[in-house]
Amino acid sequence: ELTHWLLIPPAFLFFIWNPIWAGLIMIVYTLIANVPFIMA
């Protein structure tokens, strides 16, 4: 659980080199990739 919680914040770093739309996709990706594991 802690691992998956800590994997979410790095998504915001992707705004440094990604366009806004891609940064938003990274946030959606990290939520889809981690929230189900946290729930489990």
Full PDB file with SEQRES, HELIX, SHEET, SSBOND, CRYST1, ORIGX, SCALE, CONECT and MASTER records, all heavy atoms in Angstrom:
SEQRES   1 A   40  GLU LEU THR HIS TRP LEU LEU ILE PRO PRO ALA PHE LEU          
SEQRES   2 A   40  PHE PHE ILE TRP ASN PRO ILE TRP ALA GLY LEU ILE MET          
SEQRES   3 A   40  ILE VAL TYR THR LEU ILE ALA ASN VAL PRO PHE ILE MET          
SEQRES   4 A   40  ALA                                                          
HELIX    1 AA1 LEU A    2  LEU A    6  1                                   5    
HELIX    2 AA2 PRO A    9  ILE A   16  5                                   8    
HELIX    3 AA3 ILE A   20  MET A   39  1                                  20    
CRYST1    1.000    1.000    1.000  90.00  90.00  90.00 P 1           1          
ORIGX1      1.000000  0.000000  0.000000        0.00000                         
ORIGX2      0.000000  1.000000  0.000000        0.00000                         
ORIGX3      0.000000  0.000000  1.000000        0.00000                         
SCALE1      1.000000  0.000000  0.000000        0.00000                         
SCALE2      0.000000  1.000000  0.000000        0.00000                         
SCALE3      0.000000  0.000000  1.000000        0.00000                         
ATOM      1  N   GLU A   1       0.832  -1.206   0.000  1.00  0.00           N  
ATOM      2  CA  GLU A   1       0.000   0.000   0.000  1.00  0.00           C  
ATOM      3  C   GLU A   1       0.865   1.253   0.000  1.00  0.00           C  
ATOM      4  O   GLU A   1       0.644   2.176  -0.794  1.00  0.00           O  
ATOM      5  CB  GLU A   1      -0.944   0.020   1.197  1.00  0.00           C  
ATOM      6  CG  GLU A   1      -1.840   1.246   1.186  1.00  0.00           C  
ATOM      7  CD  GLU A   1      -2.770   1.360   2.369  1.00  0.00           C  
ATOM      8  OE1 GLU A   1      -2.965   0.363   3.111  1.00  0.00           O  
ATOM      9  OE2 GLU A   1      -3.313   2.465   2.566  1.00  0.00           O  
ATOM     10  N   LEU A   2       1.857   1.293   0.871  1.00  0.00           N  
ATOM     11  CA  LEU A   2       2.740   2.458   0.942  1.00  0.00           C  
ATOM     12  C   LEU A   2       3.472   2.668  -0.381  1.00  0.00           C  
ATOM     13  O   LEU A   2       3.593   3.793  -0.869  1.00  0.00           O  
ATOM     14  CB  LEU A   2       3.733   2.310   2.095  1.00  0.00           C  
ATOM     15  CG  LEU A   2       4.672   3.484   2.337  1.00  0.00           C  
ATOM     16  CD1 LEU A   2       3.897   4.781   2.584  1.00  0.00           C  
ATOM     17  CD2 LEU A   2       5.601   3.176   3.509  1.00  0.00           C  
ATOM     18  N   THR A   3       3.925   1.588  -0.982  1.00  0.00           N  
ATOM     19  CA  THR A   3       4.602   1.676  -2.281  1.00  0.00           C  
ATOM     20  C   THR A   3       3.702   2.347  -3.307  1.00  0.00           C  
ATOM     21  O   THR A   3       4.108   3.285  -4.003  1.00  0.00           O  
ATOM     22  CB  THR A   3       5.016   0.272  -2.776  1.00  0.00           C  
ATOM     23  OG1 THR A   3       5.919  -0.300  -1.837  1.00  0.00           O  
ATOM     24  CG2 THR A   3       5.661   0.339  -4.147  1.00  0.00           C  
ATOM     25  N   HIS A   4       2.461   1.898  -3.386  1.00  0.00           N  
ATOM     26  CA  HIS A   4       1.552   2.445  -4.406  1.00  0.00           C  
ATOM     27  C   HIS A   4       1.145   3.889  -4.096  1.00  0.00           C  
ATOM     28  O   HIS A   4       0.971   4.685  -5.016  1.00  0.00           O  
ATOM     29  CB  HIS A   4       0.360   1.522  -4.602  1.00  0.00           C  
ATOM     30  CG  HIS A   4       0.747   0.283  -5.348  1.00  0.00           C  
ATOM     31  ND1 HIS A   4       0.966   0.277  -6.702  1.00  0.00           N  
ATOM     32  CD2 HIS A   4       1.018  -0.977  -4.915  1.00  0.00           C  
ATOM     33  CE1 HIS A   4       1.329  -0.927  -7.082  1.00  0.00           C  
ATOM     34  NE2 HIS A   4       1.380  -1.708  -6.007  1.00  0.00           N  
ATOM     35  N   TRP A   5       1.026   4.231  -2.814  1.00  0.00           N  
ATOM     36  CA  TRP A   5       0.766   5.646  -2.483  1.00  0.00           C  
ATOM     37  C   TRP A   5       1.938   6.517  -2.933  1.00  0.00           C  
ATOM     38  O   TRP A   5       1.745   7.598  -3.483  1.00  0.00           O  
ATOM     39  CB  TRP A   5       0.548   5.827  -0.979  1.00  0.00           C  
ATOM     40  CG  TRP A   5      -0.847   5.549  -0.497  1.00  0.00           C  
ATOM     41  CD1 TRP A   5      -1.238   4.558   0.361  1.00  0.00           C  
ATOM     42  CD2 TRP A   5      -2.039   6.265  -0.819  1.00  0.00           C  
ATOM     43  NE1 TRP A   5      -2.583   4.611   0.574  1.00  0.00           N  
ATOM     44  CE2 TRP A   5      -3.108   5.655  -0.128  1.00  0.00           C  
ATOM     45  CE3 TRP A   5      -2.316   7.373  -1.633  1.00  0.00           C  
ATOM     46  CZ2 TRP A   5      -4.424   6.107  -0.218  1.00  0.00           C  
ATOM     47  CZ3 TRP A   5      -3.620   7.817  -1.733  1.00  0.00           C  
ATOM     48  CH2 TRP A   5      -4.658   7.199  -1.032  1.00  0.00           C  
ATOM     49  N   LEU A   6       3.161   6.047  -2.684  1.00  0.00           N  
ATOM     50  CA  LEU A   6       4.347   6.844  -3.020  1.00  0.00           C  
ATOM     51  C   LEU A   6       4.627   6.903  -4.518  1.00  0.00           C  
ATOM     52  O   LEU A   6       5.394   7.765  -4.971  1.00  0.00           O  
ATOM     53  CB  LEU A   6       5.570   6.313  -2.275  1.00  0.00           C  
ATOM     54  CG  LEU A   6       5.541   6.516  -0.759  1.00  0.00           C  
ATOM     55  CD1 LEU A   6       6.762   5.888  -0.107  1.00  0.00           C  
ATOM     56  CD2 LEU A   6       5.417   7.986  -0.395  1.00  0.00           C  
ATOM     57  N   LEU A   7       4.025   6.016  -5.297  1.00  0.00           N  
ATOM     58  CA  LEU A   7       4.195   6.056  -6.748  1.00  0.00           C  
ATOM     59  C   LEU A   7       3.303   7.101  -7.417  1.00  0.00           C  
ATOM     60  O   LEU A   7       3.484   7.403  -8.594  1.00  0.00           O  
ATOM     61  CB  LEU A   7       3.916   4.673  -7.352  1.00  0.00           C  
ATOM     62  CG  LEU A   7       5.035   3.660  -7.156  1.00  0.00           C  
ATOM     63  CD1 LEU A   7       4.568   2.260  -7.523  1.00  0.00           C  
ATOM     64  CD2 LEU A   7       6.258   4.056  -7.971  1.00  0.00           C  
ATOM     65  N   ILE A   8       2.383   7.682  -6.690  1.00  0.00           N  
ATOM     66  CA  ILE A   8       1.472   8.684  -7.275  1.00  0.00           C  
ATOM     67  C   ILE A   8       2.123  10.067  -7.406  1.00  0.00           C  
ATOM     68  O   ILE A   8       2.069  10.666  -8.488  1.00  0.00           O  
ATOM     69  CB  ILE A   8       0.140   8.735  -6.491  1.00  0.00           C  
ATOM     70  CG1 ILE A   8      -0.600   7.394  -6.666  1.00  0.00           C  
ATOM     71  CG2 ILE A   8      -0.725   9.908  -6.950  1.00  0.00           C  
ATOM     72  CD1 ILE A   8      -1.831   7.234  -5.797  1.00  0.00           C  
ATOM     73  N   PRO A   9       2.740  10.632  -6.369  1.00  0.00           N  
ATOM     74  CA  PRO A   9       3.290  11.996  -6.485  1.00  0.00           C  
ATOM     75  C   PRO A   9       4.292  12.241  -7.618  1.00  0.00           C  
ATOM     76  O   PRO A   9       4.288  13.335  -8.201  1.00  0.00           O  
ATOM     77  CB  PRO A   9       3.943  12.234  -5.112  1.00  0.00           C  
ATOM     78  CG  PRO A   9       3.200  11.344  -4.180  1.00  0.00           C  
ATOM     79  CD  PRO A   9       2.862  10.122  -4.998  1.00  0.00           C  
ATOM     80  N   PRO A  10       5.141  11.265  -7.991  1.00  0.00           N  
ATOM     81  CA  PRO A  10       6.075  11.556  -9.094  1.00  0.00           C  
ATOM     82  C   PRO A  10       5.391  11.957 -10.407  1.00  0.00           C  
ATOM     83  O   PRO A  10       6.028  12.579 -11.260  1.00  0.00           O  
ATOM     84  CB  PRO A  10       6.860  10.250  -9.264  1.00  0.00           C  
ATOM     85  CG  PRO A  10       6.816   9.614  -7.919  1.00  0.00           C  
ATOM     86  CD  PRO A  10       5.453   9.957  -7.379  1.00  0.00           C  
ATOM     87  N   ALA A  11       4.126  11.645 -10.563  1.00  0.00           N  
ATOM     88  CA  ALA A  11       3.419  12.011 -11.802  1.00  0.00           C  
ATOM     89  C   ALA A  11       3.478  13.513 -12.059  1.00  0.00           C  
ATOM     90  O   ALA A  11       3.516  13.948 -13.211  1.00  0.00           O  
ATOM     91  CB  ALA A  11       1.967  11.542 -11.742  1.00  0.00           C  
ATOM     92  N   PHE A  12       3.523  14.289 -11.003  1.00  0.00           N  
ATOM     93  CA  PHE A  12       3.539  15.749 -11.173  1.00  0.00           C  
ATOM     94  C   PHE A  12       4.866  16.247 -11.739  1.00  0.00           C  
ATOM     95  O   PHE A  12       4.918  17.313 -12.339  1.00  0.00           O  
ATOM     96  CB  PHE A  12       3.191  16.433  -9.850  1.00  0.00           C  
ATOM     97  CG  PHE A  12       1.775  16.142  -9.427  1.00  0.00           C  
ATOM     98  CD1 PHE A  12       1.496  15.115  -8.530  1.00  0.00           C  
ATOM     99  CD2 PHE A  12       0.721  16.849  -9.969  1.00  0.00           C  
ATOM    100  CE1 PHE A  12       0.185  14.826  -8.161  1.00  0.00           C  
ATOM    101  CE2 PHE A  12      -0.598  16.573  -9.611  1.00  0.00           C  
ATOM    102  CZ  PHE A  12      -0.856  15.555  -8.711  1.00  0.00           C  
ATOM    103  N   LEU A  13       5.935  15.462 -11.580  1.00  0.00           N  
ATOM    104  CA  LEU A  13       7.231  15.843 -12.154  1.00  0.00           C  
ATOM    105  C   LEU A  13       7.215  15.787 -13.690  1.00  0.00           C  
ATOM    106  O   LEU A  13       8.011  16.454 -14.338  1.00  0.00           O  
ATOM    107  CB  LEU A  13       8.337  14.927 -11.626  1.00  0.00           C  
ATOM    108  CG  LEU A  13       8.595  14.986 -10.115  1.00  0.00           C  
ATOM    109  CD1 LEU A  13       9.597  13.921  -9.715  1.00  0.00           C  
ATOM    110  CD2 LEU A  13       9.076  16.371  -9.717  1.00  0.00           C  
ATOM    111  N   PHE A  14       6.302  15.025 -14.234  1.00  0.00           N  
ATOM    112  CA  PHE A  14       6.255  14.859 -15.690  1.00  0.00           C  
ATOM    113  C   PHE A  14       5.831  16.142 -16.404  1.00  0.00           C  
ATOM    114  O   PHE A  14       6.032  16.273 -17.610  1.00  0.00           O  
ATOM    115  CB  PHE A  14       5.341  13.684 -16.055  1.00  0.00           C  
ATOM    116  CG  PHE A  14       5.970  12.351 -15.765  1.00  0.00           C  
ATOM    117  CD1 PHE A  14       6.082  11.884 -14.456  1.00  0.00           C  
ATOM    118  CD2 PHE A  14       6.482  11.572 -16.785  1.00  0.00           C  
ATOM    119  CE1 PHE A  14       6.676  10.673 -14.175  1.00  0.00           C  
ATOM    120  CE2 PHE A  14       7.086  10.350 -16.517  1.00  0.00           C  
ATOM    121  CZ  PHE A  14       7.184   9.906 -15.200  1.00  0.00           C  
ATOM    122  N   PHE A  15       5.274  17.089 -15.661  1.00  0.00           N  
ATOM    123  CA  PHE A  15       4.922  18.381 -16.257  1.00  0.00           C  
ATOM    124  C   PHE A  15       6.176  19.173 -16.637  1.00  0.00           C  
ATOM    125  O   PHE A  15       6.098  20.100 -17.426  1.00  0.00           O  
ATOM    126  CB  PHE A  15       4.049  19.210 -15.305  1.00  0.00           C  
ATOM    127  CG  PHE A  15       2.628  18.724 -15.238  1.00  0.00           C  
ATOM    128  CD1 PHE A  15       2.205  17.931 -14.194  1.00  0.00           C  
ATOM    129  CD2 PHE A  15       1.724  19.062 -16.234  1.00  0.00           C  
ATOM    130  CE1 PHE A  15       0.892  17.482 -14.122  1.00  0.00           C  
ATOM    131  CE2 PHE A  15       0.406  18.621 -16.182  1.00  0.00           C  
ATOM    132  CZ  PHE A  15      -0.002  17.827 -15.125  1.00  0.00           C  
ATOM    133  N   ILE A  16       7.328  18.789 -16.071  1.00  0.00           N  
ATOM    134  CA  ILE A  16       8.573  19.501 -16.365  1.00  0.00           C  
ATOM    135  C   ILE A  16       8.942  19.356 -17.843  1.00  0.00           C  
ATOM    136  O   ILE A  16       9.367  20.318 -18.471  1.00  0.00           O  
ATOM    137  CB  ILE A  16       9.720  19.000 -15.457  1.00  0.00           C  
ATOM    138  CG1 ILE A  16       9.423  19.361 -13.996  1.00  0.00           C  
ATOM    139  CG2 ILE A  16      11.073  19.548 -15.904  1.00  0.00           C  
ATOM    140  CD1 ILE A  16      10.376  18.721 -12.989  1.00  0.00           C  
ATOM    141  N   TRP A  17       8.794  18.175 -18.403  1.00  0.00           N  
ATOM    142  CA  TRP A  17       9.217  17.954 -19.786  1.00  0.00           C  
ATOM    143  C   TRP A  17       8.081  17.541 -20.731  1.00  0.00           C  
ATOM    144  O   TRP A  17       8.303  17.364 -21.917  1.00  0.00           O  
ATOM    145  CB  TRP A  17      10.352  16.933 -19.860  1.00  0.00           C  
ATOM    146  CG  TRP A  17       9.986  15.564 -19.387  1.00  0.00           C  
ATOM    147  CD1 TRP A  17       9.405  14.568 -20.114  1.00  0.00           C  
ATOM    148  CD2 TRP A  17      10.167  15.029 -18.075  1.00  0.00           C  
ATOM    149  NE1 TRP A  17       9.206  13.452 -19.350  1.00  0.00           N  
ATOM    150  CE2 TRP A  17       9.685  13.705 -18.084  1.00  0.00           C  
ATOM    151  CE3 TRP A  17      10.702  15.531 -16.885  1.00  0.00           C  
ATOM    152  CZ2 TRP A  17       9.701  12.890 -16.952  1.00  0.00           C  
ATOM    153  CZ3 TRP A  17      10.723  14.714 -15.776  1.00  0.00           C  
ATOM    154  CH2 TRP A  17      10.231  13.420 -15.814  1.00  0.00           C  
ATOM    155  N   ASN A  18       6.875  17.404 -20.192  1.00  0.00           N  
ATOM    156  CA  ASN A  18       5.727  17.038 -21.026  1.00  0.00           C  
ATOM    157  C   ASN A  18       4.831  18.247 -21.251  1.00  0.00           C  
ATOM    158  O   ASN A  18       4.731  19.120 -20.375  1.00  0.00           O  
ATOM    159  CB  ASN A  18       4.882  15.962 -20.333  1.00  0.00           C  
ATOM    160  CG  ASN A  18       5.436  14.576 -20.517  1.00  0.00           C  
ATOM    161  OD1 ASN A  18       5.196  13.957 -21.543  1.00  0.00           O  
ATOM    162  ND2 ASN A  18       6.178  14.091 -19.528  1.00  0.00           N  
ATOM    163  N   PRO A  19       4.135  18.287 -22.381  1.00  0.00           N  
ATOM    164  CA  PRO A  19       3.098  19.309 -22.530  1.00  0.00           C  
ATOM    165  C   PRO A  19       2.005  19.064 -21.484  1.00  0.00           C  
ATOM    166  O   PRO A  19       1.900  17.950 -20.951  1.00  0.00           O  
ATOM    167  CB  PRO A  19       2.565  19.098 -23.954  1.00  0.00           C  
ATOM    168  CG  PRO A  19       3.246  17.910 -24.508  1.00  0.00           C  
ATOM    169  CD  PRO A  19       4.267  17.428 -23.534  1.00  0.00           C  
ATOM    170  N   ILE A  20       1.209  20.063 -21.204  1.00  0.00           N  
ATOM    171  CA  ILE A  20       0.167  19.965 -20.171  1.00  0.00           C  
ATOM    172  C   ILE A  20      -0.711  18.731 -20.393  1.00  0.00           C  
ATOM    173  O   ILE A  20      -0.974  17.982 -19.455  1.00  0.00           O  
ATOM    174  CB  ILE A  20      -0.719  21.242 -20.144  1.00  0.00           C  
ATOM    175  CG1 ILE A  20       0.119  22.476 -19.826  1.00  0.00           C  
ATOM    176  CG2 ILE A  20      -1.874  21.081 -19.171  1.00  0.00           C  
ATOM    177  CD1 ILE A  20       0.479  22.663 -18.389  1.00  0.00           C  
ATOM    178  N   TRP A  21      -1.176  18.516 -21.629  1.00  0.00           N  
ATOM    179  CA  TRP A  21      -2.072  17.389 -21.896  1.00  0.00           C  
ATOM    180  C   TRP A  21      -1.395  16.055 -21.559  1.00  0.00           C  
ATOM    181  O   TRP A  21      -2.034  15.158 -21.031  1.00  0.00           O  
ATOM    182  CB  TRP A  21      -2.580  17.400 -23.350  1.00  0.00           C  
ATOM    183  CG  TRP A  21      -1.499  17.246 -24.390  1.00  0.00           C  
ATOM    184  CD1 TRP A  21      -0.809  18.236 -25.030  1.00  0.00           C  
ATOM    185  CD2 TRP A  21      -0.975  16.010 -24.892  1.00  0.00           C  
ATOM    186  NE1 TRP A  21       0.113  17.711 -25.892  1.00  0.00           N  
ATOM    187  CE2 TRP A  21       0.030  16.337 -25.841  1.00  0.00           C  
ATOM    188  CE3 TRP A  21      -1.237  14.670 -24.654  1.00  0.00           C  
ATOM    189  CZ2 TRP A  21       0.761  15.377 -26.528  1.00  0.00           C  
ATOM    190  CZ3 TRP A  21      -0.510  13.708 -25.347  1.00  0.00           C  
ATOM    191  CH2 TRP A  21       0.470  14.067 -26.268  1.00  0.00           C  
ATOM    192  N   ALA A  22      -0.105  15.928 -21.828  1.00  0.00           N  
ATOM    193  CA  ALA A  22       0.615  14.693 -21.529  1.00  0.00           C  
ATOM    194  C   ALA A  22       0.842  14.555 -20.018  1.00  0.00           C  
ATOM    195  O   ALA A  22       0.784  13.443 -19.476  1.00  0.00           O  
ATOM    196  CB  ALA A  22       1.934  14.641 -22.280  1.00  0.00           C  
ATOM    197  N   GLY A  23       1.096  15.674 -19.339  1.00  0.00           N  
ATOM    198  CA  GLY A  23       1.223  15.644 -17.879  1.00  0.00           C  
ATOM    199  C   GLY A  23      -0.063  15.161 -17.232  1.00  0.00           C  
ATOM    200  O   GLY A  23      -0.036  14.379 -16.274  1.00  0.00           O  
ATOM    201  N   LEU A  24      -1.187  15.602 -17.771  1.00  0.00           N  
ATOM    202  CA  LEU A  24      -2.485  15.145 -17.255  1.00  0.00           C  
ATOM    203  C   LEU A  24      -2.670  13.647 -17.507  1.00  0.00           C  
ATOM    204  O   LEU A  24      -3.206  12.931 -16.648  1.00  0.00           O  
ATOM    205  CB  LEU A  24      -3.622  15.951 -17.882  1.00  0.00           C  
ATOM    206  CG  LEU A  24      -3.654  17.430 -17.476  1.00  0.00           C  
ATOM    207  CD1 LEU A  24      -4.691  18.186 -18.303  1.00  0.00           C  
ATOM    208  CD2 LEU A  24      -3.912  17.587 -15.987  1.00  0.00           C  
ATOM    209  N   ILE A  25      -2.214  13.184 -18.652  1.00  0.00           N  
ATOM    210  CA  ILE A  25      -2.282  11.749 -18.947  1.00  0.00           C  
ATOM    211  C   ILE A  25      -1.436  10.969 -17.940  1.00  0.00           C  
ATOM    212  O   ILE A  25      -1.827   9.883 -17.494  1.00  0.00           O  
ATOM    213  CB  ILE A  25      -1.844  11.457 -20.403  1.00  0.00           C  
ATOM    214  CG1 ILE A  25      -2.927  11.949 -21.363  1.00  0.00           C  
ATOM    215  CG2 ILE A  25      -1.558   9.971 -20.609  1.00  0.00           C  
ATOM    216  CD1 ILE A  25      -2.550  11.891 -22.830  1.00  0.00           C  
ATOM    217  N   MET A  26      -0.289  11.529 -17.545  1.00  0.00           N  
ATOM    218  CA  MET A  26       0.569  10.860 -16.560  1.00  0.00           C  
ATOM    219  C   MET A  26      -0.142  10.752 -15.211  1.00  0.00           C  
ATOM    220  O   MET A  26      -0.002   9.741 -14.505  1.00  0.00           O  
ATOM    221  CB  MET A  26       1.902  11.597 -16.395  1.00  0.00           C  
ATOM    222  CG  MET A  26       2.785  11.559 -17.612  1.00  0.00           C  
ATOM    223  SD  MET A  26       3.196   9.878 -18.080  1.00  0.00           S  
ATOM    224  CE  MET A  26       3.184  10.047 -19.852  1.00  0.00           C  
ATOM    225  N   ILE A  27      -0.895  11.767 -14.845  1.00  0.00           N  
ATOM    226  CA  ILE A  27      -1.657  11.712 -13.591  1.00  0.00           C  
ATOM    227  C   ILE A  27      -2.739  10.643 -13.683  1.00  0.00           C  
ATOM    228  O   ILE A  27      -2.913   9.839 -12.755  1.00  0.00           O  
ATOM    229  CB  ILE A  27      -2.232  13.099 -13.233  1.00  0.00           C  
ATOM    230  CG1 ILE A  27      -1.081  14.032 -12.849  1.00  0.00           C  
ATOM    231  CG2 ILE A  27      -3.256  12.985 -12.101  1.00  0.00           C  
ATOM    232  CD1 ILE A  27      -1.478  15.462 -12.626  1.00  0.00           C  
ATOM    233  N   VAL A  28      -3.465  10.618 -14.798  1.00  0.00           N  
ATOM    234  CA  VAL A  28      -4.493   9.588 -14.987  1.00  0.00           C  
ATOM    235  C   VAL A  28      -3.846   8.201 -14.958  1.00  0.00           C  
ATOM    236  O   VAL A  28      -4.344   7.285 -14.293  1.00  0.00           O  
ATOM    237  CB  VAL A  28      -5.280   9.818 -16.304  1.00  0.00           C  
ATOM    238  CG1 VAL A  28      -6.173   8.633 -16.624  1.00  0.00           C  
ATOM    239  CG2 VAL A  28      -6.089  11.107 -16.220  1.00  0.00           C  
ATOM    240  N   TYR A  29      -2.721   8.061 -15.653  1.00  0.00           N  
ATOM    241  CA  TYR A  29      -2.003   6.776 -15.663  1.00  0.00           C  
ATOM    242  C   TYR A  29      -1.658   6.331 -14.244  1.00  0.00           C  
ATOM    243  O   TYR A  29      -1.914   5.186 -13.851  1.00  0.00           O  
ATOM    244  CB  TYR A  29      -0.717   6.856 -16.500  1.00  0.00           C  
ATOM    245  CG  TYR A  29       0.275   5.790 -16.108  1.00  0.00           C  
ATOM    246  CD1 TYR A  29       0.080   4.469 -16.490  1.00  0.00           C  
ATOM    247  CD2 TYR A  29       1.366   6.084 -15.290  1.00  0.00           C  
ATOM    248  CE1 TYR A  29       0.955   3.466 -16.082  1.00  0.00           C  
ATOM    249  CE2 TYR A  29       2.248   5.096 -14.890  1.00  0.00           C  
ATOM    250  CZ  TYR A  29       2.038   3.787 -15.282  1.00  0.00           C  
ATOM    251  OH  TYR A  29       2.897   2.808 -14.870  1.00  0.00           O  
ATOM    252  N   THR A  30      -1.046   7.220 -13.462  1.00  0.00           N  
ATOM    253  CA  THR A  30      -0.595   6.807 -12.127  1.00  0.00           C  
ATOM    254  C   THR A  30      -1.768   6.450 -11.223  1.00  0.00           C  
ATOM    255  O   THR A  30      -1.662   5.551 -10.388  1.00  0.00           O  
ATOM    256  CB  THR A  30       0.337   7.861 -11.492  1.00  0.00           C  
ATOM    257  OG1 THR A  30       1.039   7.243 -10.411  1.00  0.00           O  
ATOM    258  CG2 THR A  30      -0.396   9.071 -10.971  1.00  0.00           C  
ATOM    259  N   LEU A  31      -2.892   7.121 -11.406  1.00  0.00           N  
ATOM    260  CA  LEU A  31      -4.076   6.766 -10.606  1.00  0.00           C  
ATOM    261  C   LEU A  31      -4.615   5.400 -11.019  1.00  0.00           C  
ATOM    262  O   LEU A  31      -4.910   4.561 -10.171  1.00  0.00           O  
ATOM    263  CB  LEU A  31      -5.146   7.848 -10.726  1.00  0.00           C  
ATOM    264  CG  LEU A  31      -4.774   9.195 -10.093  1.00  0.00           C  
ATOM    265  CD1 LEU A  31      -5.841  10.243 -10.393  1.00  0.00           C  
ATOM    266  CD2 LEU A  31      -4.539   9.062  -8.600  1.00  0.00           C  
ATOM    267  N   ILE A  32      -4.707   5.172 -12.317  1.00  0.00           N  
ATOM    268  CA  ILE A  32      -5.195   3.874 -12.808  1.00  0.00           C  
ATOM    269  C   ILE A  32      -4.234   2.752 -12.415  1.00  0.00           C  
ATOM    270  O   ILE A  32      -4.661   1.639 -12.094  1.00  0.00           O  
ATOM    271  CB  ILE A  32      -5.400   3.916 -14.340  1.00  0.00           C  
ATOM    272  CG1 ILE A  32      -6.592   4.808 -14.674  1.00  0.00           C  
ATOM    273  CG2 ILE A  32      -5.580   2.515 -14.920  1.00  0.00           C  
ATOM    274  CD1 ILE A  32      -6.749   5.116 -16.156  1.00  0.00           C  
ATOM    275  N   ALA A  33      -2.942   3.037 -12.426  1.00  0.00           N  
ATOM    276  CA  ALA A  33      -1.935   2.020 -12.145  1.00  0.00           C  
ATOM    277  C   ALA A  33      -1.738   1.752 -10.656  1.00  0.00           C  
ATOM    278  O   ALA A  33      -1.159   0.721 -10.300  1.00  0.00           O  
ATOM    279  CB  ALA A  33      -0.596   2.428 -12.767  1.00  0.00           C  
ATOM    280  N   ASN A  34      -2.200   2.644  -9.776  1.00  0.00           N  
ATOM    281  CA  ASN A  34      -1.917   2.468  -8.350  1.00  0.00           C  
ATOM    282  C   ASN A  34      -3.142   2.354  -7.454  1.00  0.00           C  
ATOM    283  O   ASN A  34      -3.111   1.595  -6.483  1.00  0.00           O  
ATOM    284  CB  ASN A  34      -1.023   3.617  -7.859  1.00  0.00           C  
ATOM    285  CG  ASN A  34       0.364   3.509  -8.432  1.00  0.00           C  
ATOM    286  OD1 ASN A  34       1.107   2.595  -8.109  1.00  0.00           O  
ATOM    287  ND2 ASN A  34       0.703   4.417  -9.324  1.00  0.00           N  
ATOM    288  N   VAL A  35      -4.198   3.065  -7.751  1.00  0.00           N  
ATOM    289  CA  VAL A  35      -5.373   3.044  -6.868  1.00  0.00           C  
ATOM    290  C   VAL A  35      -5.972   1.640  -6.725  1.00  0.00           C  
ATOM    291  O   VAL A  35      -6.314   1.240  -5.603  1.00  0.00           O  
ATOM    292  CB  VAL A  35      -6.416   4.103  -7.304  1.00  0.00           C  
ATOM    293  CG1 VAL A  35      -7.726   3.925  -6.550  1.00  0.00           C  
ATOM    294  CG2 VAL A  35      -5.851   5.509  -7.075  1.00  0.00           C  
ATOM    295  N   PRO A  36      -6.089   0.841  -7.791  1.00  0.00           N  
ATOM    296  CA  PRO A  36      -6.631  -0.517  -7.586  1.00  0.00           C  
ATOM    297  C   PRO A  36      -5.797  -1.354  -6.607  1.00  0.00           C  
ATOM    298  O   PRO A  36      -6.353  -2.125  -5.813  1.00  0.00           O  
ATOM    299  CB  PRO A  36      -6.608  -1.129  -8.988  1.00  0.00           C  
ATOM    300  CG  PRO A  36      -6.673   0.045  -9.907  1.00  0.00           C  
ATOM    301  CD  PRO A  36      -5.888   1.132  -9.215  1.00  0.00           C  
ATOM    302  N   PHE A  37      -4.481  -1.185  -6.624  1.00  0.00           N  
ATOM    303  CA  PHE A  37      -3.619  -1.922  -5.696  1.00  0.00           C  
ATOM    304  C   PHE A  37      -3.817  -1.435  -4.263  1.00  0.00           C  
ATOM    305  O   PHE A  37      -3.823  -2.233  -3.324  1.00  0.00           O  
ATOM    306  CB  PHE A  37      -2.147  -1.779  -6.106  1.00  0.00           C  
ATOM    307  CG  PHE A  37      -1.825  -2.494  -7.383  1.00  0.00           C  
ATOM    308  CD1 PHE A  37      -1.899  -1.837  -8.597  1.00  0.00           C  
ATOM    309  CD2 PHE A  37      -1.459  -3.829  -7.363  1.00  0.00           C  
ATOM    310  CE1 PHE A  37      -1.603  -2.498  -9.777  1.00  0.00           C  
ATOM    311  CE2 PHE A  37      -1.154  -4.504  -8.539  1.00  0.00           C  
ATOM    312  CZ  PHE A  37      -1.235  -3.834  -9.753  1.00  0.00           C  
ATOM    313  N   ILE A  38      -3.978  -0.135  -4.099  1.00  0.00           N  
ATOM    314  CA  ILE A  38      -4.232   0.424  -2.768  1.00  0.00           C  
ATOM    315  C   ILE A  38      -5.556  -0.124  -2.241  1.00  0.00           C  
ATOM    316  O   ILE A  38      -5.658  -0.550  -1.088  1.00  0.00           O  
ATOM    317  CB  ILE A  38      -4.241   1.971  -2.815  1.00  0.00           C  
ATOM    318  CG1 ILE A  38      -2.834   2.490  -3.146  1.00  0.00           C  
ATOM    319  CG2 ILE A  38      -4.760   2.557  -1.503  1.00  0.00           C  
ATOM    320  CD1 ILE A  38      -2.777   3.968  -3.511  1.00  0.00           C  
ATOM    321  N   MET A  39      -6.568  -0.124  -3.097  1.00  0.00           N  
ATOM    322  CA  MET A  39      -7.873  -0.650  -2.702  1.00  0.00           C  
ATOM    323  C   MET A  39      -7.771  -2.119  -2.299  1.00  0.00           C  
ATOM    324  O   MET A  39      -8.372  -2.538  -1.296  1.00  0.00           O  
ATOM    325  CB  MET A  39      -8.876  -0.475  -3.849  1.00  0.00           C  
ATOM    326  CG  MET A  39      -9.263   0.957  -4.093  1.00  0.00           C  
ATOM    327  SD  MET A  39     -10.141   1.255  -5.661  1.00  0.00           S  
ATOM    328  CE  MET A  39     -11.407   0.023  -5.651  1.00  0.00           C  
ATOM    329  N   ALA A  40      -7.020  -2.902  -3.059  1.00  0.00           N  
ATOM    330  CA  ALA A  40      -6.873  -4.332  -2.749  1.00  0.00           C  
ATOM    331  C   ALA A  40      -6.222  -4.531  -1.380  1.00  0.00           C  
ATOM    332  O   ALA A  40      -6.659  -5.390  -0.603  1.00  0.00           O  
ATOM    333  CB  ALA A  40      -6.056  -5.032  -3.834  1.00  0.00           C  
TER     334      ALA A  40                                                      
MASTER        0    0    0    3    0    0    0    6  333    1    0    4          
END                                                                             
